[in-house]
PDB file of N, CA and C in Angstrom:
ATOM      1  N   MET A   1    -118.187  86.042  45.034  1.00  0.00           N
ATOM      2  CA  MET A   1    -117.943  84.810  44.642  1.00  0.00           C
ATOM      3  C   MET A   1    -118.374  83.868  45.836  1.00  0.00           C
ATOM      4  N   TRP A   2    -118.784  82.702  45.322  1.00  0.00           N
ATOM      5  CA  TRP A   2    -119.405  81.636  46.296  1.00  0.00           C
ATOM      6  C   TRP A   2    -118.335  80.527  46.407  1.00  0.00           C
ATOM      7  N   GLU A   3    -118.106  80.081  47.500  1.00  0.00           N
ATOM      8  CA  GLU A   3    -117.209  79.150  47.934  1.00  0.00           C
ATOM      9  C   GLU A   3    -117.726  77.803  48.727  1.00  0.00           C
ATOM     10  N   MET A   4    -117.275  76.660  48.354  1.00  0.00           N
ATOM     11  CA  MET A   4    -117.683  75.551  49.136  1.00  0.00           C
ATOM     12  C   MET A   4    -116.572  74.450  49.287  1.00  0.00           C
ATOM     13  N   THR A   5    -116.505  73.832  50.439  1.00  0.00           N
ATOM     14  CA  THR A   5    -115.622  72.772  50.699  1.00  0.00           C
ATOM     15  C   THR A   5    -116.258  71.460  50.331  1.00  0.00           C
ATOM     16  N   PRO A   6    -115.316  70.491  50.261  1.00  0.00           N
ATOM     17  CA  PRO A   6    -115.963  69.023  49.860  1.00  0.00           C
ATOM     18  C   PRO A   6    -117.088  68.588  50.830  1.00  0.00           C
ATOM     19  N   GLY A   7    -118.022  68.002  50.108  1.00  0.00           N
ATOM     20  CA  GLY A   7    -119.238  67.623  50.753  1.00  0.00           C
ATOM     21  C   GLY A   7    -120.321  67.552  49.866  1.00  0.00           C
ATOM     22  N   THR A   8    -121.466  66.827  50.328  1.00  0.00           N
ATOM     23  CA  THR A   8    -122.709  66.819  49.516  1.00  0.00           C
ATOM     24  C   THR A   8    -123.853  67.341  50.092  1.00  0.00           C
ATOM     25  N   LYS A   9    -124.669  68.002  49.316  1.00  0.00           N
ATOM     26  CA  LYS A   9    -125.993  68.583  49.791  1.00  0.00           C
ATOM     27  C   LYS A   9    -127.073  68.536  48.850  1.00  0.00           C
ATOM     28  N   TYR A  10    -128.306  68.308  49.341  1.00  0.00           N
ATOM     29  CA  TYR A  10    -129.561  68.210  48.462  1.00  0.00           C
ATOM     30  C   TYR A  10    -129.993  69.582  48.256  1.00  0.00           C
ATOM     31  N   PHE A  11    -130.437  69.819  47.118  1.00  0.00           N
ATOM     32  CA  PHE A  11    -131.049  71.264  46.767  1.00  0.00           C
ATOM     33  C   PHE A  11    -132.196  71.158  45.667  1.00  0.00           C
ATOM     34  N   GLU A  12    -132.989  72.229  45.665  1.00  0.00           N
ATOM     35  CA  GLU A  12    -134.196  72.415  44.714  1.00  0.00           C
ATOM     36  C   GLU A  12    -133.885  73.825  44.182  1.00  0.00           C
ATOM     37  N   CYS A  13    -134.062  73.985  42.844  1.00  0.00           N
ATOM     38  CA  CYS A  13    -133.948  75.261  42.271  1.00  0.00           C
ATOM     39  C   CYS A  13    -135.295  76.049  42.361  1.00  0.00           C
ATOM     40  N   GLY A  14    -136.590  75.384  42.537  1.00  0.00           N
ATOM     41  CA  GLY A  14    -137.852  76.045  42.487  1.00  0.00           C
ATOM     42  C   GLY A  14    -137.967  76.902  41.259  1.00  0.00           C
ATOM     43  N   VAL A  15    -138.336  78.147  41.221  1.00  0.00           N
ATOM     44  CA  VAL A  15    -138.632  78.852  40.075  1.00  0.00           C
ATOM     45  C   VAL A  15    -137.446  79.681  39.560  1.00  0.00           C
ATOM     46  N   ILE A  16    -136.312  79.316  39.987  1.00  0.00           N
ATOM     47  CA  ILE A  16    -135.092  79.997  39.691  1.00  0.00           C
ATOM     48  C   ILE A  16    -134.099  79.157  38.729  1.00  0.00           C
ATOM     49  N   ASP A  17    -133.642  79.835  37.652  1.00  0.00           N
ATOM     50  CA  ASP A  17    -132.586  79.127  36.898  1.00  0.00           C
ATOM     51  C   ASP A  17    -131.390  79.773  37.389  1.00  0.00           C
ATOM     52  N   GLU A  18    -130.366  78.920  37.638  1.00  0.00           N
ATOM     53  CA  GLU A  18    -129.068  79.313  38.181  1.00  0.00           C
ATOM     54  C   GLU A  18    -128.089  79.017  37.192  1.00  0.00           C
ATOM     55  N   ILE A  19    -127.297  80.108  36.765  1.00  0.00           N
ATOM     56  CA  ILE A  19    -126.224  80.026  35.819  1.00  0.00           C
ATOM     57  C   ILE A  19    -124.840  80.006  36.641  1.00  0.00           C
ATOM     58  N   CYS A  20    -124.125  78.891  36.512  1.00  0.00           N
ATOM     59  CA  CYS A  20    -122.890  78.811  37.339  1.00  0.00           C
ATOM     60  C   CYS A  20    -121.778  78.791  36.412  1.00  0.00           C
ATOM     61  N   ILE A  21    -120.721  79.486  36.883  1.00  0.00           N
ATOM     62  CA  ILE A  21    -119.289  79.509  36.295  1.00  0.00           C
ATOM     63  C   ILE A  21    -118.292  79.082  37.354  1.00  0.00           C
ATOM     64  N   LEU A  22    -117.777  77.946  37.145  1.00  0.00           N
ATOM     65  CA  LEU A  22    -116.808  77.384  38.101  1.00  0.00           C
ATOM     66  C   LEU A  22    -115.332  78.126  37.883  1.00  0.00           C
ATOM     67  N   ILE A  23    -114.874  78.738  38.714  1.00  0.00           N
ATOM     68  CA  ILE A  23    -113.551  79.387  38.662  1.00  0.00           C
ATOM     69  C   ILE A  23    -112.418  78.209  38.905  1.00  0.00           C
ATOM     70  N   GLU A  24    -112.699  77.482  39.919  1.00  0.00           N
ATOM     71  CA  GLU A  24    -111.841  76.265  40.279  1.00  0.00           C
ATOM     72  C   GLU A  24    -112.665  75.204  41.117  1.00  0.00           C
ATOM     73  N   GLY A  25    -112.001  74.113  41.068  1.00  0.00           N
ATOM     74  CA  GLY A  25    -112.706  72.912  41.934  1.00  0.00           C
ATOM     75  C   GLY A  25    -113.395  72.038  40.922  1.00  0.00           C
ATOM     76  N   GLU A  26    -114.091  70.955  41.580  1.00  0.00           N
ATOM     77  CA  GLU A  26    -114.710  69.984  40.804  1.00  0.00           C
ATOM     78  C   GLU A  26    -115.965  69.749  41.491  1.00  0.00           C
ATOM     79  N   VAL A  27    -117.191  69.551  40.801  1.00  0.00           N
ATOM     80  CA  VAL A  27    -118.476  69.156  41.347  1.00  0.00           C
ATOM     81  C   VAL A  27    -119.110  68.146  40.583  1.00  0.00           C
ATOM     82  N   VAL A  28    -119.999  67.382  41.258  1.00  0.00           N
ATOM     83  CA  VAL A  28    -120.781  66.258  40.476  1.00  0.00           C
ATOM     84  C   VAL A  28    -122.166  66.728  40.911  1.00  0.00           C
ATOM     85  N   ILE A  29    -123.117  66.965  39.839  1.00  0.00           N
ATOM     86  CA  ILE A  29    -124.507  67.295  39.980  1.00  0.00           C
ATOM     87  C   ILE A  29    -125.216  66.100  39.601  1.00  0.00           C
ATOM     88  N   THR A  30    -126.118  65.662  40.459  1.00  0.00           N
ATOM     89  CA  THR A  30    -126.881  64.395  40.140  1.00  0.00           C
ATOM     90  C   THR A  30    -128.362  64.850  40.379  1.00  0.00           C
ATOM     91  N   ASP A  31    -129.225  64.648  39.260  1.00  0.00           N
ATOM     92  CA  ASP A  31    -130.572  65.011  39.320  1.00  0.00           C
ATOM     93  C   ASP A  31    -131.451  63.822  40.071  1.00  0.00           C
ATOM     94  N   SER A  32    -132.721  64.211  40.293  1.00  0.00           N
ATOM     95  CA  SER A  32    -133.477  63.069  40.992  1.00  0.00           C
ATOM     96  C   SER A  32    -133.764  61.902  40.169  1.00  0.00           C
ATOM     97  N   ASP A  33    -133.382  61.823  38.886  1.00  0.00           N
ATOM     98  CA  ASP A  33    -133.438  60.550  38.102  1.00  0.00           C
ATOM     99  C   ASP A  33    -132.191  59.855  38.192  1.00  0.00           C
ATOM    100  N   GLY A  34    -131.170  60.289  38.817  1.00  0.00           N
ATOM    101  CA  GLY A  34    -129.909  59.681  38.982  1.00  0.00           C
ATOM    102  C   GLY A  34    -128.866  59.930  37.988  1.00  0.00           C
ATOM    103  N   GLN A  35    -129.188  60.947  37.138  1.00  0.00           N
ATOM    104  CA  GLN A  35    -128.324  61.293  36.029  1.00  0.00           C
ATOM    105  C   GLN A  35    -127.226  62.275  36.518  1.00  0.00           C
ATOM    106  N   SER A  36    -125.953  61.988  36.362  1.00  0.00           N
ATOM    107  CA  SER A  36    -124.853  62.839  36.828  1.00  0.00           C
ATOM    108  C   SER A  36    -124.133  63.473  35.720  1.00  0.00           C
ATOM    109  N   GLU A  37    -123.576  64.761  36.153  1.00  0.00           N
ATOM    110  CA  GLU A  37    -122.773  65.460  35.310  1.00  0.00           C
ATOM    111  C   GLU A  37    -121.488  65.964  36.310  1.00  0.00           C
ATOM    112  N   THR A  38    -120.403  65.930  35.819  1.00  0.00           N
ATOM    113  CA  THR A  38    -119.192  66.446  36.376  1.00  0.00           C
ATOM    114  C   THR A  38    -118.683  67.747  35.850  1.00  0.00           C
ATOM    115  N   TYR A  39    -118.326  68.819  36.563  1.00  0.00           N
ATOM    116  CA  TYR A  39    -117.929  69.909  36.106  1.00  0.00           C
ATOM    117  C   TYR A  39    -116.650  70.368  36.789  1.00  0.00           C
ATOM    118  N   VAL A  40    -115.656  71.068  36.105  1.00  0.00           N
ATOM    119  CA  VAL A  40    -114.396  71.425  36.789  1.00  0.00           C
ATOM    120  C   VAL A  40    -114.186  72.891  36.455  1.00  0.00           C
ATOM    121  N   GLY A  41    -113.242  73.350  37.136  1.00  0.00           N
ATOM    122  CA  GLY A  41    -112.747  74.928  37.071  1.00  0.00           C
ATOM    123  C   GLY A  41    -112.641  75.259  35.526  1.00  0.00           C
ATOM    124  N   GLY A  42    -113.471  76.373  35.056  1.00  0.00           N
ATOM    125  CA  GLY A  42    -113.347  76.867  33.688  1.00  0.00           C
ATOM    126  C   GLY A  42    -114.490  76.409  33.040  1.00  0.00           C
ATOM    127  N   GLN A  43    -115.455  75.653  33.638  1.00  0.00           N
ATOM    128  CA  GLN A  43    -116.761  75.289  32.895  1.00  0.00           C
ATOM    129  C   GLN A  43    -117.865  76.034  33.483  1.00  0.00           C
ATOM    130  N   ALA A  44    -118.971  76.057  32.612  1.00  0.00           N
ATOM    131  CA  ALA A  44    -120.221  76.797  33.082  1.00  0.00           C
ATOM    132  C   ALA A  44    -121.397  75.881  32.761  1.00  0.00           C
ATOM    133  N   PHE A  45    -122.401  75.942  33.528  1.00  0.00           N
ATOM    134  CA  PHE A  45    -123.626  75.167  33.317  1.00  0.00           C
ATOM    135  C   PHE A  45    -124.804  75.823  33.894  1.00  0.00           C
ATOM    136  N   ILE A  46    -125.890  75.300  33.568  1.00  0.00           N
ATOM    137  CA  ILE A  46    -127.231  75.990  33.993  1.00  0.00           C
ATOM    138  C   ILE A  46    -127.906  74.864  35.012  1.00  0.00           C
ATOM    139  N   LEU A  47    -128.411  75.335  36.116  1.00  0.00           N
ATOM    140  CA  LEU A  47    -129.395  74.386  36.904  1.00  0.00           C
ATOM    141  C   LEU A  47    -130.689  74.970  36.566  1.00  0.00           C
ATOM    142  N   PRO A  48    -131.558  74.209  35.894  1.00  0.00           N
ATOM    143  CA  PRO A  48    -132.904  74.991  35.360  1.00  0.00           C
ATOM    144  C   PRO A  48    -133.856  74.954  36.625  1.00  0.00           C
ATOM    145  N   ALA A  49    -134.796  75.839  36.561  1.00  0.00           N
ATOM    146  CA  ALA A  49    -135.879  75.945  37.365  1.00  0.00           C
ATOM    147  C   ALA A  49    -136.617  74.490  37.580  1.00  0.00           C
ATOM    148  N   GLY A  50    -136.880  74.230  38.561  1.00  0.00           N
ATOM    149  CA  GLY A  50    -137.435  72.738  38.962  1.00  0.00           C
ATOM    150  C   GLY A  50    -136.469  71.737  39.255  1.00  0.00           C
ATOM    151  N   PHE A  51    -135.236  71.932  39.046  1.00  0.00           N
ATOM    152  CA  PHE A  51    -134.209  71.020  39.291  1.00  0.00           C
ATOM    153  C   PHE A  51    -134.297  70.609  40.651  1.00  0.00           C
ATOM    154  N   LYS A  52    -134.077  69.199  40.972  1.00  0.00           N
ATOM    155  CA  LYS A  52    -133.948  68.625  42.285  1.00  0.00           C
ATOM    156  C   LYS A  52    -132.853  67.643  42.147  1.00  0.00           C
ATOM    157  N   GLY A  53    -131.876  67.713  43.253  1.00  0.00           N
ATOM    158  CA  GLY A  53    -130.880  66.672  43.286  1.00  0.00           C
ATOM    159  C   GLY A  53    -129.883  67.083  44.067  1.00  0.00           C
ATOM    160  N   THR A  54    -128.512  66.471  44.021  1.00  0.00           N
ATOM    161  CA  THR A  54    -127.544  66.660  44.821  1.00  0.00           C
ATOM    162  C   THR A  54    -126.290  67.514  44.061  1.00  0.00           C
ATOM    163  N   TRP A  55    -125.671  68.269  45.176  1.00  0.00           N
ATOM    164  CA  TRP A  55    -124.497  68.959  44.704  1.00  0.00           C
ATOM    165  C   TRP A  55    -123.386  68.315  45.431  1.00  0.00           C
ATOM    166  N   LYS A  56    -122.396  67.585  44.854  1.00  0.00           N
ATOM    167  CA  LYS A  56    -121.155  67.017  45.444  1.00  0.00           C
ATOM    168  C   LYS A  56    -120.071  67.869  45.155  1.00  0.00           C
ATOM    169  N   THR A  57    -119.459  68.447  46.103  1.00  0.00           N
ATOM    170  CA  THR A  57    -118.198  69.238  45.995  1.00  0.00           C
ATOM    171  C   THR A  57    -117.073  68.137  46.162  1.00  0.00           C
ATOM    172  N   VAL A  58    -116.319  67.810  45.154  1.00  0.00           N
ATOM    173  CA  VAL A  58    -115.301  66.841  45.145  1.00  0.00           C
ATOM    174  C   VAL A  58    -114.005  67.489  45.549  1.00  0.00           C
ATOM    175  N   LYS A  59    -113.592  68.716  44.908  1.00  0.00           N
ATOM    176  CA  LYS A  59    -112.525  69.519  45.223  1.00  0.00           C
ATOM    177  C   LYS A  59    -113.113  70.951  45.599  1.00  0.00           C
ATOM    178  N   PRO A  60    -112.482  71.560  46.463  1.00  0.00           N
ATOM    179  CA  PRO A  60    -113.042  72.938  46.925  1.00  0.00           C
ATOM    180  C   PRO A  60    -113.327  73.885  45.689  1.00  0.00           C
ATOM    181  N   VAL A  61    -114.489  74.381  45.835  1.00  0.00           N
ATOM    182  CA  VAL A  61    -115.060  75.102  44.639  1.00  0.00           C
ATOM    183  C   VAL A  61    -115.198  76.669  44.838  1.00  0.00           C
ATOM    184  N   LYS A  62    -114.802  77.399  43.798  1.00  0.00           N
ATOM    185  CA  LYS A  62    -115.221  78.819  43.775  1.00  0.00           C
ATOM    186  C   LYS A  62    -115.963  79.048  42.531  1.00  0.00           C
ATOM    187  N   LYS A  63    -117.182  79.638  42.607  1.00  0.00           N
ATOM    188  CA  LYS A  63    -117.845  79.964  41.402  1.00  0.00           C
ATOM    189  C   LYS A  63    -118.536  81.388  41.422  1.00  0.00           C
ATOM    190  N   TYR A  64    -118.808  81.842  40.224  1.00  0.00           N
ATOM    191  CA  TYR A  64    -119.742  83.073  40.174  1.00  0.00           C
ATOM    192  C   TYR A  64    -120.993  82.415  39.656  1.00  0.00           C
ATOM    193  N   PHE A  65    -122.125  83.149  39.969  1.00  0.00           N
ATOM    194  CA  PHE A  65    -123.327  82.629  39.566  1.00  0.00           C
ATOM    195  C   PHE A  65    -124.327  83.803  39.469  1.00  0.00           C
ATOM    196  N   ALA A  66    -125.407  83.506  38.640  1.00  0.00           N
ATOM    197  CA  ALA A  66    -126.459  84.456  38.484  1.00  0.00           C
ATOM    198  C   ALA A  66    -127.739  83.672  38.600  1.00  0.00           C
ATOM    199  N   MET A  67    -128.707  84.374  39.031  1.00  0.00           N
ATOM    200  CA  MET A  67    -130.201  83.657  39.092  1.00  0.00           C
ATOM    201  C   MET A  67    -131.211  84.495  38.233  1.00  0.00           C
ATOM    202  N   HIS A  68    -131.818  83.710  37.565  1.00  0.00           N
ATOM    203  CA  HIS A  68    -132.911  84.246  36.639  1.00  0.00           C
ATOM    204  C   HIS A  68    -134.254  83.656  37.213  1.00  0.00           C
ATOM    205  N   PHE A  69    -135.242  84.661  37.464  1.00  0.00           N
ATOM    206  CA  PHE A  69    -136.460  84.218  37.741  1.00  0.00           C
ATOM    207  C   PHE A  69    -137.404  83.637  36.662  1.00  0.00           C
ATOM    208  N   ASN A  70    -137.765  82.390  36.574  1.00  0.00           N
ATOM    209  CA  ASN A  70    -138.438  81.837  35.529  1.00  0.00           C
ATOM    210  C   ASN A  70    -139.855  81.774  35.783  1.00  0.00           C
ATOM    211  N   LYS A  71    -140.697  82.529  35.254  1.00  0.00           N
ATOM    212  CA  LYS A  71    -142.074  82.740  35.422  1.00  0.00           C
ATOM    213  C   LYS A  71    -142.905  81.540  34.755  1.00  0.00           C
ATOM    214  N   ALA A  72    -142.267  80.779  33.826  1.00  0.00           N
ATOM    215  CA  ALA A  72    -142.942  79.705  33.090  1.00  0.00           C
ATOM    216  C   ALA A  72    -143.038  78.489  33.910  1.00  0.00           C
TER     217      ALA A  72
END
């Protein structure tokens, strides 16, 4: 299980799709075009290969995740 305290960080997914399942907490994911989505505990989402943006942890997060190498 991955955990993070409140804060914001920039990241890039490269050639990896990341599947995220939030167990608890709240995050705001903002892509390089400024489009934002908010996710809370109990929700799942995918960060696709090539994604560039910020991960803002609003409330402490616990998540499970899996990564898929995307050759495309």
